[in-house]
């Protein structure tokens, strides 16, 4: 199956599937630019390493957009 450029329907379906099966969700872009300041995930505590990041995402510790 060939996917065309980003389509809102793909995002909607992916979010629905992840929500249905309670998968943790993250999102991102593949942009390579220095203009992407102040983007990323926020946590209420300082993360120690990549394993800590994985655990925090899986536990739903990341701040949610309103």
N, C-alpha and C. Protein backbone atom coordinates (compact mmCIF):
# COMPACT_ATOMS: atom_id res chain seq x y z
N UNK A 1 0.84 -1.17 0.00
CA UNK A 1 0.00 0.00 0.00
C UNK A 1 0.90 1.24 0.00
N UNK A 2 0.65 2.13 -0.90
CA UNK A 2 1.43 3.36 -1.01
C UNK A 2 0.65 4.50 -0.35
N UNK A 3 1.30 5.17 0.59
CA UNK A 3 0.66 6.30 1.26
C UNK A 3 1.09 7.59 0.60
N UNK A 4 0.14 8.40 0.30
CA UNK A 4 0.41 9.71 -0.28
C UNK A 4 0.86 10.66 0.82
N UNK A 5 1.15 11.90 0.48
CA UNK A 5 1.54 12.87 1.51
C UNK A 5 0.51 12.92 2.64
N UNK A 6 0.89 13.45 3.79
CA UNK A 6 0.04 13.41 4.98
C UNK A 6 -1.42 13.74 4.69
N UNK A 7 -2.27 12.94 5.28
CA UNK A 7 -3.71 13.08 5.08
C UNK A 7 -4.37 13.07 6.45
N UNK A 8 -5.23 14.02 6.75
CA UNK A 8 -5.90 14.05 8.06
C UNK A 8 -6.63 12.75 8.39
N UNK A 9 -7.13 12.06 7.39
CA UNK A 9 -7.83 10.80 7.64
C UNK A 9 -6.89 9.75 8.22
N UNK A 10 -5.63 9.70 7.76
CA UNK A 10 -4.66 8.75 8.31
C UNK A 10 -4.41 9.06 9.78
N UNK A 11 -4.26 10.34 10.10
CA UNK A 11 -4.03 10.74 11.49
C UNK A 11 -5.22 10.35 12.36
N UNK A 12 -6.41 10.60 11.88
CA UNK A 12 -7.63 10.29 12.63
C UNK A 12 -7.74 8.80 12.89
N UNK A 13 -7.47 8.00 11.87
CA UNK A 13 -7.54 6.54 12.03
C UNK A 13 -6.48 6.03 12.99
N UNK A 14 -5.27 6.58 12.90
CA UNK A 14 -4.17 6.15 13.78
C UNK A 14 -4.50 6.50 15.24
N UNK A 15 -5.01 7.70 15.47
CA UNK A 15 -5.39 8.09 16.84
C UNK A 15 -6.51 7.22 17.38
N UNK A 16 -7.47 6.90 16.55
CA UNK A 16 -8.57 6.03 16.97
C UNK A 16 -8.08 4.64 17.35
N UNK A 17 -7.19 4.09 16.53
CA UNK A 17 -6.63 2.75 16.78
C UNK A 17 -5.82 2.76 18.07
N UNK A 18 -4.96 3.75 18.24
CA UNK A 18 -4.13 3.83 19.45
C UNK A 18 -5.01 4.01 20.69
N UNK A 19 -6.03 4.83 20.57
CA UNK A 19 -6.94 5.03 21.70
C UNK A 19 -7.71 3.77 22.06
N UNK A 20 -8.18 3.07 21.05
CA UNK A 20 -8.95 1.84 21.26
C UNK A 20 -8.14 0.81 22.02
N UNK A 21 -6.86 0.68 21.66
CA UNK A 21 -6.01 -0.33 22.28
C UNK A 21 -5.10 0.24 23.37
N UNK A 22 -5.36 1.51 23.74
CA UNK A 22 -4.63 2.18 24.82
C UNK A 22 -3.12 2.19 24.60
N UNK A 23 -2.70 2.43 23.35
CA UNK A 23 -1.28 2.57 23.03
C UNK A 23 -0.84 4.00 23.36
N UNK A 24 0.37 4.17 23.89
CA UNK A 24 0.85 5.54 24.08
C UNK A 24 1.05 6.20 22.73
N UNK A 25 0.83 7.51 22.67
CA UNK A 25 0.95 8.22 21.40
C UNK A 25 1.99 9.33 21.48
N UNK A 26 2.76 9.46 20.43
CA UNK A 26 3.66 10.59 20.25
C UNK A 26 3.49 11.03 18.80
N UNK A 27 4.00 12.18 18.49
CA UNK A 27 3.94 12.67 17.12
C UNK A 27 5.19 13.47 16.83
N UNK A 28 5.49 13.61 15.59
CA UNK A 28 6.66 14.39 15.23
C UNK A 28 6.74 14.63 13.74
N UNK A 29 7.69 15.41 13.36
CA UNK A 29 7.94 15.73 11.96
C UNK A 29 9.36 15.36 11.61
N UNK A 30 9.62 15.20 10.36
CA UNK A 30 10.97 14.91 9.91
C UNK A 30 11.55 16.17 9.26
N UNK A 31 11.47 17.27 9.98
CA UNK A 31 12.02 18.52 9.46
C UNK A 31 13.43 18.70 10.00
N UNK A 32 14.26 19.24 9.18
CA UNK A 32 15.63 19.51 9.57
C UNK A 32 15.85 21.01 9.46
N UNK A 33 15.55 21.71 10.55
CA UNK A 33 15.61 23.15 10.53
C UNK A 33 15.97 23.68 11.92
N UNK A 34 16.68 24.77 11.96
CA UNK A 34 16.99 25.41 13.24
C UNK A 34 15.83 26.28 13.72
N UNK A 35 14.79 26.39 12.92
CA UNK A 35 13.64 27.23 13.29
C UNK A 35 12.62 26.46 14.12
N UNK A 36 12.93 25.25 14.49
CA UNK A 36 11.98 24.43 15.24
C UNK A 36 12.23 24.53 16.75
N UNK A 37 12.37 25.71 17.27
CA UNK A 37 12.57 25.89 18.70
C UNK A 37 11.25 25.74 19.44
N UNK A 38 11.35 25.33 20.69
CA UNK A 38 10.19 25.21 21.56
C UNK A 38 9.16 24.20 21.07
N UNK A 39 9.66 23.12 20.55
CA UNK A 39 8.79 22.03 20.12
C UNK A 39 9.26 20.77 20.84
N UNK A 40 8.38 19.86 21.10
CA UNK A 40 8.76 18.61 21.73
C UNK A 40 7.76 18.19 22.78
N UNK A 41 8.20 17.35 23.68
CA UNK A 41 7.34 16.84 24.74
C UNK A 41 7.79 17.46 26.06
N UNK A 42 6.83 17.68 26.96
CA UNK A 42 7.14 18.25 28.27
C UNK A 42 6.72 17.29 29.37
N UNK A 43 7.54 17.20 30.39
CA UNK A 43 7.28 16.34 31.53
C UNK A 43 7.41 17.16 32.80
N UNK A 44 6.72 16.76 33.86
CA UNK A 44 6.75 17.48 35.13
C UNK A 44 8.05 17.23 35.89
N UNK A 45 8.85 16.29 35.43
CA UNK A 45 10.11 15.97 36.11
C UNK A 45 11.22 15.85 35.08
N UNK A 46 12.44 15.92 35.55
CA UNK A 46 13.59 15.75 34.66
C UNK A 46 13.78 14.26 34.38
N UNK A 47 13.89 13.92 33.11
CA UNK A 47 14.08 12.52 32.73
C UNK A 47 15.56 12.17 32.78
N UNK A 48 15.86 10.95 33.20
CA UNK A 48 17.25 10.51 33.40
C UNK A 48 17.92 10.05 32.12
N UNK A 49 17.21 9.29 31.30
CA UNK A 49 17.81 8.69 30.11
C UNK A 49 16.69 8.21 29.19
N UNK A 50 17.07 7.54 28.11
CA UNK A 50 16.07 7.10 27.12
C UNK A 50 15.10 6.07 27.70
N UNK A 51 15.59 5.25 28.60
CA UNK A 51 14.69 4.27 29.24
C UNK A 51 13.65 4.99 30.11
N UNK A 52 14.09 6.02 30.80
CA UNK A 52 13.18 6.81 31.61
C UNK A 52 12.15 7.52 30.71
N UNK A 53 12.61 8.03 29.57
CA UNK A 53 11.70 8.66 28.60
C UNK A 53 10.65 7.66 28.13
N UNK A 54 11.08 6.48 27.76
CA UNK A 54 10.15 5.44 27.30
C UNK A 54 9.12 5.11 28.37
N UNK A 55 9.58 4.95 29.60
CA UNK A 55 8.66 4.67 30.69
C UNK A 55 7.68 5.79 30.94
N UNK A 56 8.17 7.03 30.86
CA UNK A 56 7.30 8.19 31.08
C UNK A 56 6.24 8.30 30.00
N UNK A 57 6.62 8.06 28.76
CA UNK A 57 5.65 8.11 27.65
C UNK A 57 4.62 7.00 27.83
N UNK A 58 5.09 5.80 28.12
CA UNK A 58 4.19 4.66 28.28
C UNK A 58 3.23 4.87 29.45
N UNK A 59 3.71 5.52 30.51
CA UNK A 59 2.87 5.78 31.68
C UNK A 59 1.95 6.99 31.50
N UNK A 60 2.07 7.68 30.37
CA UNK A 60 1.20 8.83 30.11
C UNK A 60 1.60 10.07 30.89
N UNK A 61 2.87 10.20 31.22
CA UNK A 61 3.33 11.36 32.01
C UNK A 61 3.52 12.63 31.19
N UNK A 62 3.54 12.55 29.89
CA UNK A 62 3.77 13.74 29.06
C UNK A 62 2.59 14.70 29.19
N UNK A 63 2.90 15.99 29.24
CA UNK A 63 1.86 17.02 29.30
C UNK A 63 1.02 16.97 28.03
N UNK A 64 -0.26 17.20 28.16
CA UNK A 64 -1.18 17.17 27.02
C UNK A 64 -1.50 18.58 26.56
N UNK A 65 -1.64 18.74 25.24
CA UNK A 65 -2.11 20.03 24.71
C UNK A 65 -3.57 20.19 25.08
N UNK A 66 -3.97 21.43 25.24
CA UNK A 66 -5.36 21.69 25.57
C UNK A 66 -6.13 22.10 24.37
